[in-house]
Amino acid sequence: MTNPSFFNEVFIWPMLNILVGVYKVLFLAGIPYALGFSIIIVTVIIRFILYPLTTSQLKASKKMQELNPHLAKLKEKHKNDAKMLQQETMKLYKEHGVNPAAGCLPVLVQLPIIWALYGTLQQIVHLTPAIINKVVYFNFLKISKPWDPNFFGVSLGSNPSQLLSTVGPLILLIPLLTALFQFIQSKMLFAQPPQPEELIKDVEKKKNDDFATAFQSQSLYIFPLMIGFFSYTFPIGLSLYWNTFTIFGIIQQYKISGLGGLEEWVNKIYGGKRK
């Protein structure tokens, strides 16, 4: 923070100012655990700002998933003719009004904002009033004393691995819930839309040899486990941010395309189609 960079000035410092502003409102209102609730509120604010972009990305992803069986059929049909495969693929995209790049731009726009919030939260608990007051834009945002880093009795600057010996196994709920929320969101994203019977048969023939399918299946479990491990070693403040971010994403995904990949599991639990 003491050696300004372009990224700090353009992304992290503005994010810090937003967080400090929310913190001061909560603190002056006498709300306990103001820093923790500030992290949650700022994360939700960022999510609302990114809502249109994320919606566009999710809709594009859903359309691409719906075309996957058709694409697999084209690959099999024109496996020895790359030029024809490219032409037929573009024709398929045009017929269904799909732009393969539509999901990329929203991601590129979101990443700097997400990184800025992440970078801010990595340091926020340990920043002193002197450092904070140097980078806030307005005098009324300056703070006179260090903020309380605790959130319901747990330090936002500590990680579960450090607290395991003092808090006990209960602290493991944080990385476990983080992994669970990430798994739920990932499973919802990897939906398999209904397809004609003949299309399903053609795709199933190649499914075991499809690297993309195998990678998707493995990443569904590996990625949440990685996030859970990171949550075990990272400050709890970051887990608070990540879980808020993920839960919001689950709700947004549900509004756009329902349960997605979770639909089959939920139906099995309920013993049939839900009403």
Protein backbone atom coordinates (compact mmCIF):
# COMPACT_ATOMS: atom_id res chain seq x y z
CA MET A 1 0.00 0.00 0.00
CA THR A 2 2.94 2.35 0.61
CA ASN A 3 4.34 1.84 -2.93
CA PRO A 4 1.53 2.97 -5.23
CA SER A 5 1.05 1.13 -8.50
CA PHE A 6 -1.36 1.58 -11.34
CA PHE A 7 -3.47 -1.34 -10.16
CA ASN A 8 -3.62 0.03 -6.62
CA GLU A 9 -4.68 3.47 -7.76
CA VAL A 10 -7.24 2.30 -10.30
CA PHE A 11 -8.78 -0.66 -8.48
CA ILE A 12 -7.65 -1.40 -4.91
CA TRP A 13 -7.79 2.10 -3.45
CA PRO A 14 -11.27 2.84 -4.81
CA MET A 15 -12.41 -0.51 -3.39
CA LEU A 16 -10.81 0.35 -0.05
CA ASN A 17 -12.63 3.68 0.01
CA ILE A 18 -15.97 1.94 -0.58
CA LEU A 19 -15.28 -0.54 2.19
CA VAL A 20 -14.18 2.16 4.64
CA GLY A 21 -17.30 4.18 3.80
CA VAL A 22 -19.59 1.22 4.53
CA TYR A 23 -17.64 0.47 7.69
CA LYS A 24 -18.03 4.01 9.00
CA VAL A 25 -21.79 3.96 8.42
CA LEU A 26 -22.14 0.66 10.29
CA PHE A 27 -19.76 1.76 13.05
CA LEU A 28 -21.56 5.07 13.63
CA ALA A 29 -24.86 3.18 13.67
CA GLY A 30 -23.49 1.07 16.50
CA ILE A 31 -23.71 -2.20 14.59
CA PRO A 32 -21.37 -4.84 16.10
CA TYR A 33 -18.77 -6.61 13.98
CA ALA A 34 -18.86 -3.68 11.57
CA LEU A 35 -15.82 -4.79 9.58
CA GLY A 36 -17.21 -8.26 8.88
CA PHE A 37 -20.59 -6.92 7.83
CA SER A 38 -18.83 -4.31 5.70
CA ILE A 39 -17.09 -7.10 3.76
CA ILE A 40 -20.46 -8.81 3.18
CA ILE A 41 -22.20 -5.60 2.10
CA VAL A 42 -19.41 -4.49 -0.25
CA THR A 43 -19.32 -7.97 -1.81
CA VAL A 44 -23.08 -7.80 -2.42
CA ILE A 45 -22.74 -4.28 -3.87
CA ILE A 46 -20.06 -5.49 -6.29
CA ARG A 47 -22.24 -8.45 -7.21
CA PHE A 48 -25.15 -6.15 -8.02
CA ILE A 49 -22.89 -3.95 -10.14
CA LEU A 50 -21.69 -7.01 -12.04
CA TYR A 51 -25.18 -8.53 -12.24
CA PRO A 52 -25.90 -7.63 -15.91
CA LEU A 53 -22.48 -8.87 -17.03
CA THR A 54 -22.76 -12.09 -15.06
CA THR A 55 -26.26 -12.68 -16.42
CA SER A 56 -25.01 -12.25 -19.97
CA GLN A 57 -22.16 -14.68 -19.27
CA LEU A 58 -24.47 -17.31 -17.73
CA LYS A 59 -26.97 -17.10 -20.58
CA ALA A 60 -24.19 -17.49 -23.15
CA SER A 61 -22.82 -20.47 -21.23
CA LYS A 62 -26.28 -22.05 -21.09
CA LYS A 63 -26.73 -21.71 -24.86
CA MET A 64 -23.31 -23.24 -25.48
CA GLN A 65 -24.16 -26.20 -23.24
CA GLU A 66 -27.38 -26.76 -25.18
CA LEU A 67 -25.37 -26.97 -28.40
CA ASN A 68 -22.70 -29.35 -27.06
CA PRO A 69 -24.44 -32.54 -28.27
CA HIS A 70 -24.94 -31.01 -31.73
CA LEU A 71 -21.28 -29.95 -31.82
CA ALA A 72 -20.21 -33.46 -30.84
CA LYS A 73 -22.24 -34.85 -33.72
CA LEU A 74 -20.64 -32.41 -36.16
CA LYS A 75 -17.16 -33.33 -34.93
CA GLU A 76 -17.88 -36.99 -35.56
CA LYS A 77 -19.40 -36.33 -38.99
CA HIS A 78 -16.56 -34.07 -40.21
CA LYS A 79 -13.67 -35.48 -38.21
CA ASN A 80 -11.51 -35.70 -41.33
CA ASP A 81 -12.43 -32.30 -42.77
CA ALA A 82 -11.41 -29.42 -40.51
CA LYS A 83 -12.58 -26.73 -42.93
CA MET A 84 -16.04 -28.22 -43.30
CA LEU A 85 -16.26 -28.72 -39.53
CA GLN A 86 -15.48 -25.04 -38.99
CA GLN A 87 -18.07 -23.96 -41.56
CA GLU A 88 -20.80 -26.21 -40.14
CA THR A 89 -19.97 -25.11 -36.59
CA MET A 90 -20.30 -21.44 -37.48
CA LYS A 91 -23.53 -22.23 -39.33
CA LEU A 92 -24.88 -23.97 -36.22
CA TYR A 93 -23.96 -20.97 -34.06
CA LYS A 94 -25.69 -18.63 -36.50
CA GLU A 95 -28.85 -20.75 -36.66
CA HIS A 96 -29.19 -20.72 -32.88
CA GLY A 97 -28.11 -17.09 -32.41
CA VAL A 98 -25.03 -18.02 -30.38
CA ASN A 99 -21.86 -15.96 -30.20
CA PRO A 100 -19.02 -18.14 -28.82
CA ALA A 101 -17.19 -15.05 -27.57
CA ALA A 102 -20.24 -13.65 -25.78
CA GLY A 103 -19.27 -15.26 -22.48
CA CYS A 104 -15.67 -14.03 -22.56
CA LEU A 105 -16.11 -10.24 -22.44
CA PRO A 106 -18.16 -10.21 -19.22
CA VAL A 107 -15.50 -12.36 -17.55
CA LEU A 108 -12.69 -10.04 -18.66
CA VAL A 109 -14.58 -7.01 -17.32
CA GLN A 110 -15.34 -8.69 -14.01
CA LEU A 111 -11.86 -10.01 -13.24
CA PRO A 112 -10.12 -6.70 -12.36
CA ILE A 113 -13.00 -5.78 -10.02
CA ILE A 114 -12.95 -9.18 -8.33
CA TRP A 115 -9.15 -9.08 -8.00
CA ALA A 116 -9.36 -5.59 -6.53
CA LEU A 117 -11.80 -6.72 -3.85
CA TYR A 118 -9.67 -9.79 -3.18
CA GLY A 119 -6.48 -7.72 -2.96
CA THR A 120 -8.14 -5.25 -0.61
CA LEU A 121 -9.43 -7.95 1.72
CA GLN A 122 -6.02 -9.63 1.86
CA GLN A 123 -4.68 -6.55 3.62
CA ILE A 124 -7.71 -4.88 5.17
CA VAL A 125 -7.58 -6.46 8.65
CA HIS A 126 -3.95 -5.54 9.19
CA LEU A 127 -4.07 -1.96 7.88
CA THR A 128 -3.46 0.74 10.46
CA PRO A 129 -5.44 4.00 10.57
CA ALA A 130 -2.29 5.85 9.42
CA ILE A 131 -2.08 3.82 6.21
CA ILE A 132 -5.82 3.93 5.56
CA ASN A 133 -5.99 7.70 6.08
CA LYS A 134 -3.30 8.21 3.44
CA VAL A 135 -5.35 6.64 0.66
CA VAL A 136 -8.95 7.61 1.46
CA TYR A 137 -10.31 10.31 -0.83
CA PHE A 138 -12.28 12.36 1.69
CA ASN A 139 -11.58 13.54 5.22
CA PHE A 140 -14.84 12.12 6.57
CA LEU A 141 -13.62 8.64 5.61
CA LYS A 142 -10.60 8.87 7.88
CA ILE A 143 -10.63 6.65 10.93
CA SER A 144 -9.13 7.55 14.30
CA LYS A 145 -8.52 4.12 15.79
CA PRO A 146 -7.94 0.55 14.56
CA TRP A 147 -11.06 -1.35 13.72
CA ASP A 148 -12.14 -4.49 15.51
CA PRO A 149 -11.00 -7.45 13.36
CA ASN A 150 -13.35 -9.91 15.08
CA PHE A 151 -16.52 -11.32 13.56
CA PHE A 152 -18.69 -13.24 16.01
CA GLY A 153 -15.63 -13.95 18.15
CA VAL A 154 -13.34 -15.03 15.31
CA SER A 155 -10.55 -12.86 13.93
CA LEU A 156 -11.02 -12.05 10.25
CA GLY A 157 -7.24 -11.88 9.90
CA SER A 158 -6.65 -15.43 11.14
CA ASN A 159 -7.13 -18.61 9.17
CA PRO A 160 -8.78 -21.88 10.25
CA SER A 161 -5.44 -23.72 10.33
CA GLN A 162 -4.21 -21.26 12.97
CA LEU A 163 -7.43 -21.39 15.00
CA LEU A 164 -7.86 -25.16 14.97
CA SER A 165 -5.89 -25.63 18.19
CA THR A 166 -7.78 -22.89 20.08
CA VAL A 167 -11.29 -22.95 18.62
CA GLY A 168 -11.41 -26.68 17.91
CA PRO A 169 -12.87 -28.75 15.04
CA LEU A 170 -15.83 -26.36 14.78
CA ILE A 171 -13.63 -23.94 12.85
CA LEU A 172 -13.42 -26.54 10.05
CA LEU A 173 -17.00 -25.64 9.16
CA ILE A 174 -15.63 -22.58 7.35
CA PRO A 175 -13.56 -24.43 4.71
CA LEU A 176 -16.17 -27.21 4.52
CA LEU A 177 -18.99 -24.75 3.82
CA THR A 178 -16.78 -22.86 1.37
CA ALA A 179 -16.15 -26.08 -0.57
CA LEU A 180 -19.85 -27.04 -0.39
CA PHE A 181 -21.09 -23.69 -1.72
CA GLN A 182 -18.53 -23.82 -4.53
CA PHE A 183 -19.59 -27.37 -5.42
CA ILE A 184 -23.28 -26.38 -5.52
CA GLN A 185 -22.56 -23.48 -7.86
CA SER A 186 -20.31 -25.59 -10.09
CA LYS A 187 -22.87 -28.40 -10.27
CA MET A 188 -25.61 -25.92 -11.20
CA LEU A 189 -23.44 -24.52 -14.00
CA PHE A 190 -22.70 -27.93 -15.49
CA ALA A 191 -26.25 -28.64 -16.55
CA GLN A 192 -27.19 -31.22 -19.17
CA PRO A 193 -30.23 -29.93 -21.07
CA PRO A 194 -32.81 -32.40 -22.42
CA GLN A 195 -31.92 -33.67 -25.87
CA PRO A 196 -33.60 -35.86 -28.52
CA GLU A 197 -33.07 -39.58 -27.91
CA GLU A 198 -31.06 -40.15 -31.07
CA LEU A 199 -28.75 -37.26 -30.22
CA ILE A 200 -28.14 -38.64 -26.75
CA LYS A 201 -27.16 -42.03 -28.19
CA ASP A 202 -24.66 -40.48 -30.58
CA VAL A 203 -23.08 -38.42 -27.84
CA GLU A 204 -22.92 -41.32 -25.37
CA LYS A 205 -20.87 -43.34 -27.85
CA LYS A 206 -18.10 -40.76 -27.66
CA LYS A 207 -18.55 -39.65 -24.08
CA ASN A 208 -15.86 -41.87 -22.58
CA ASP A 209 -13.29 -40.63 -25.09
CA ASP A 210 -14.24 -36.98 -24.77
CA PHE A 211 -11.44 -35.18 -22.92
CA ALA A 212 -13.56 -32.07 -22.33
CA THR A 213 -16.30 -34.14 -20.71
CA ALA A 214 -13.81 -35.98 -18.50
CA PHE A 215 -12.13 -32.73 -17.49
CA GLN A 216 -15.46 -31.11 -16.65
CA SER A 217 -16.49 -34.09 -14.55
CA GLN A 218 -13.22 -34.07 -12.60
CA SER A 219 -13.10 -30.30 -12.14
CA LEU A 220 -16.59 -30.41 -10.64
CA TYR A 221 -15.04 -32.07 -7.60
CA ILE A 222 -11.43 -30.91 -7.73
CA PHE A 223 -12.13 -27.17 -7.88
CA PRO A 224 -14.37 -27.04 -4.78
CA LEU A 225 -11.78 -29.11 -2.88
CA MET A 226 -9.08 -26.62 -3.90
CA ILE A 227 -11.23 -23.69 -2.79
CA GLY A 228 -11.93 -25.46 0.51
CA PHE A 229 -8.20 -25.98 1.06
CA PHE A 230 -7.46 -22.35 0.25
CA SER A 231 -10.16 -21.36 2.72
CA TYR A 232 -8.40 -23.46 5.36
CA THR A 233 -5.15 -21.55 4.86
CA PHE A 234 -6.40 -18.04 3.93
CA PRO A 235 -7.69 -15.37 6.34
CA ILE A 236 -11.32 -15.83 7.36
CA GLY A 237 -12.11 -12.39 5.93
CA LEU A 238 -11.42 -13.80 2.46
CA SER A 239 -13.66 -16.79 3.11
CA LEU A 240 -16.40 -14.41 4.21
CA TYR A 241 -16.05 -12.57 0.92
CA TRP A 242 -15.84 -15.74 -1.17
CA ASN A 243 -18.86 -17.38 0.45
CA THR A 244 -20.96 -14.24 0.04
CA PHE A 245 -19.85 -14.01 -3.58
CA THR A 246 -20.68 -17.67 -4.22
CA ILE A 247 -24.07 -17.65 -2.49
CA PHE A 248 -25.09 -14.61 -4.53
CA GLY A 249 -23.92 -16.46 -7.65
CA ILE A 250 -26.01 -19.51 -6.73
CA ILE A 251 -29.11 -17.32 -6.37
CA GLN A 252 -28.43 -15.59 -9.69
CA GLN A 253 -27.84 -18.88 -11.46
CA TYR A 254 -31.09 -20.26 -10.04
CA LYS A 255 -33.04 -17.25 -11.33
CA ILE A 256 -31.63 -17.69 -14.83
CA SER A 257 -31.77 -21.45 -15.37
CA GLY A 258 -33.11 -23.05 -12.21
CA LEU A 259 -31.23 -25.83 -10.47
CA GLY A 260 -29.28 -26.76 -13.59
CA GLY A 261 -27.09 -29.77 -12.92
CA LEU A 262 -28.58 -30.17 -9.44
CA GLU A 263 -32.03 -30.91 -10.86
CA GLU A 264 -31.40 -34.64 -11.21
CA TRP A 265 -30.08 -34.96 -7.65
CA VAL A 266 -32.95 -32.99 -6.16
CA ASN A 267 -35.45 -35.13 -8.05
CA LYS A 268 -33.86 -38.27 -6.64
CA ILE A 269 -34.06 -36.88 -3.12
CA TYR A 270 -37.73 -36.05 -3.58
CA GLY A 271 -38.40 -39.34 -5.34
CA GLY A 272 -39.50 -37.81 -8.63
CA LYS A 273 -40.17 -34.52 -10.33
CA ARG A 274 -40.75 -31.59 -8.03
CA LYS A 275 -44.05 -29.80 -8.28
